[in-house]
């Protein structure tokens, strides 16, 4: 069931044409209109990407999202087809 959610989330990401092919995604920020602070605009699907690090503001650039694979990379046919 979890694998089905991952596959569906990956298909949705590819349909949008977003950064689904990337292994590491940097967050995009916008300024909150009321509080005048940087907030993350959108985050990638949690079924596919794992959030790492933190940012104090949009210039820190420590936070990123890394693609998660449930098995050893040698067993993932998307990465190593043979």
Protein backbone atom coordinates (compact mmCIF):
# COMPACT_ATOMS: atom_id res chain seq x y z
CA UNK A 1 0.00 0.00 0.00
CA UNK A 2 2.80 2.40 0.85
CA UNK A 3 4.56 1.54 -2.42
CA UNK A 4 1.34 2.30 -4.33
CA UNK A 5 1.18 5.74 -2.69
CA UNK A 6 4.82 6.39 -3.68
CA UNK A 7 4.15 5.39 -7.29
CA UNK A 8 1.00 7.54 -7.47
CA UNK A 9 2.82 10.55 -5.97
CA UNK A 10 5.70 10.13 -8.43
CA UNK A 11 3.29 9.97 -11.38
CA UNK A 12 1.52 13.13 -10.20
CA UNK A 13 4.87 14.89 -9.85
CA UNK A 14 5.88 13.90 -13.40
CA UNK A 15 2.51 15.03 -14.79
CA UNK A 16 3.00 18.48 -13.27
CA UNK A 17 6.38 18.71 -14.97
CA UNK A 18 7.97 19.75 -11.69
CA UNK A 19 11.32 18.64 -10.34
CA UNK A 20 10.34 14.96 -10.05
CA UNK A 21 13.43 13.80 -11.91
CA UNK A 22 15.77 15.42 -9.38
CA UNK A 23 17.19 13.62 -6.37
CA UNK A 24 17.67 16.83 -4.33
CA UNK A 25 15.17 19.72 -4.34
CA UNK A 26 15.74 23.08 -2.68
CA UNK A 27 12.70 24.73 -1.08
CA UNK A 28 11.06 27.81 -2.61
CA UNK A 29 10.07 30.67 -0.31
CA UNK A 30 7.58 33.52 -0.37
CA UNK A 31 6.97 36.38 2.03
CA UNK A 32 3.94 35.95 4.27
CA UNK A 33 1.70 38.97 3.54
CA UNK A 34 0.61 39.55 7.13
CA UNK A 35 3.69 38.64 9.18
CA UNK A 36 6.37 39.75 6.68
CA UNK A 37 8.51 36.63 7.21
CA UNK A 38 9.75 34.02 4.74
CA UNK A 39 7.57 30.90 4.57
CA UNK A 40 7.97 27.86 2.36
CA UNK A 41 5.75 28.14 -0.70
CA UNK A 42 5.21 24.44 -1.51
CA UNK A 43 6.96 21.26 -0.48
CA UNK A 44 7.38 18.08 -2.52
CA UNK A 45 5.26 15.00 -1.70
CA UNK A 46 6.21 13.38 1.61
CA UNK A 47 5.79 9.92 0.09
CA UNK A 48 8.80 10.53 -2.17
CA UNK A 49 11.02 13.16 -0.52
CA UNK A 50 12.51 13.47 2.95
CA UNK A 51 13.09 16.97 4.36
CA UNK A 52 16.57 17.58 5.78
CA UNK A 53 18.08 20.61 7.50
CA UNK A 54 16.46 23.94 8.33
CA UNK A 55 16.51 27.50 7.08
CA UNK A 56 16.31 30.64 9.17
CA UNK A 57 15.36 32.64 6.08
CA UNK A 58 15.47 32.28 2.29
CA UNK A 59 19.20 33.06 2.16
CA UNK A 60 20.44 30.34 4.55
CA UNK A 61 20.09 27.48 2.00
CA UNK A 62 20.59 24.60 4.45
CA UNK A 63 17.18 22.96 4.09
CA UNK A 64 16.65 20.59 1.19
CA UNK A 65 14.54 17.61 0.21
CA UNK A 66 16.19 14.34 -0.77
CA UNK A 67 14.45 11.59 -2.71
CA UNK A 68 13.77 8.55 -0.54
CA UNK A 69 14.15 4.96 -1.76
CA UNK A 70 12.74 2.14 0.41
CA UNK A 71 15.47 -0.38 -0.51
CA UNK A 72 19.18 -0.45 -1.31
CA UNK A 73 19.92 1.52 -4.46
CA UNK A 74 21.33 -1.58 -6.16
CA UNK A 75 17.83 -3.14 -5.99
CA UNK A 76 15.98 -0.14 -7.44
CA UNK A 77 15.34 -0.79 -11.15
CA UNK A 78 14.72 2.93 -11.86
CA UNK A 79 18.33 3.71 -11.00
CA UNK A 80 20.09 0.50 -12.06
CA UNK A 81 18.00 -1.21 -14.76
CA UNK A 82 20.34 -4.20 -15.16
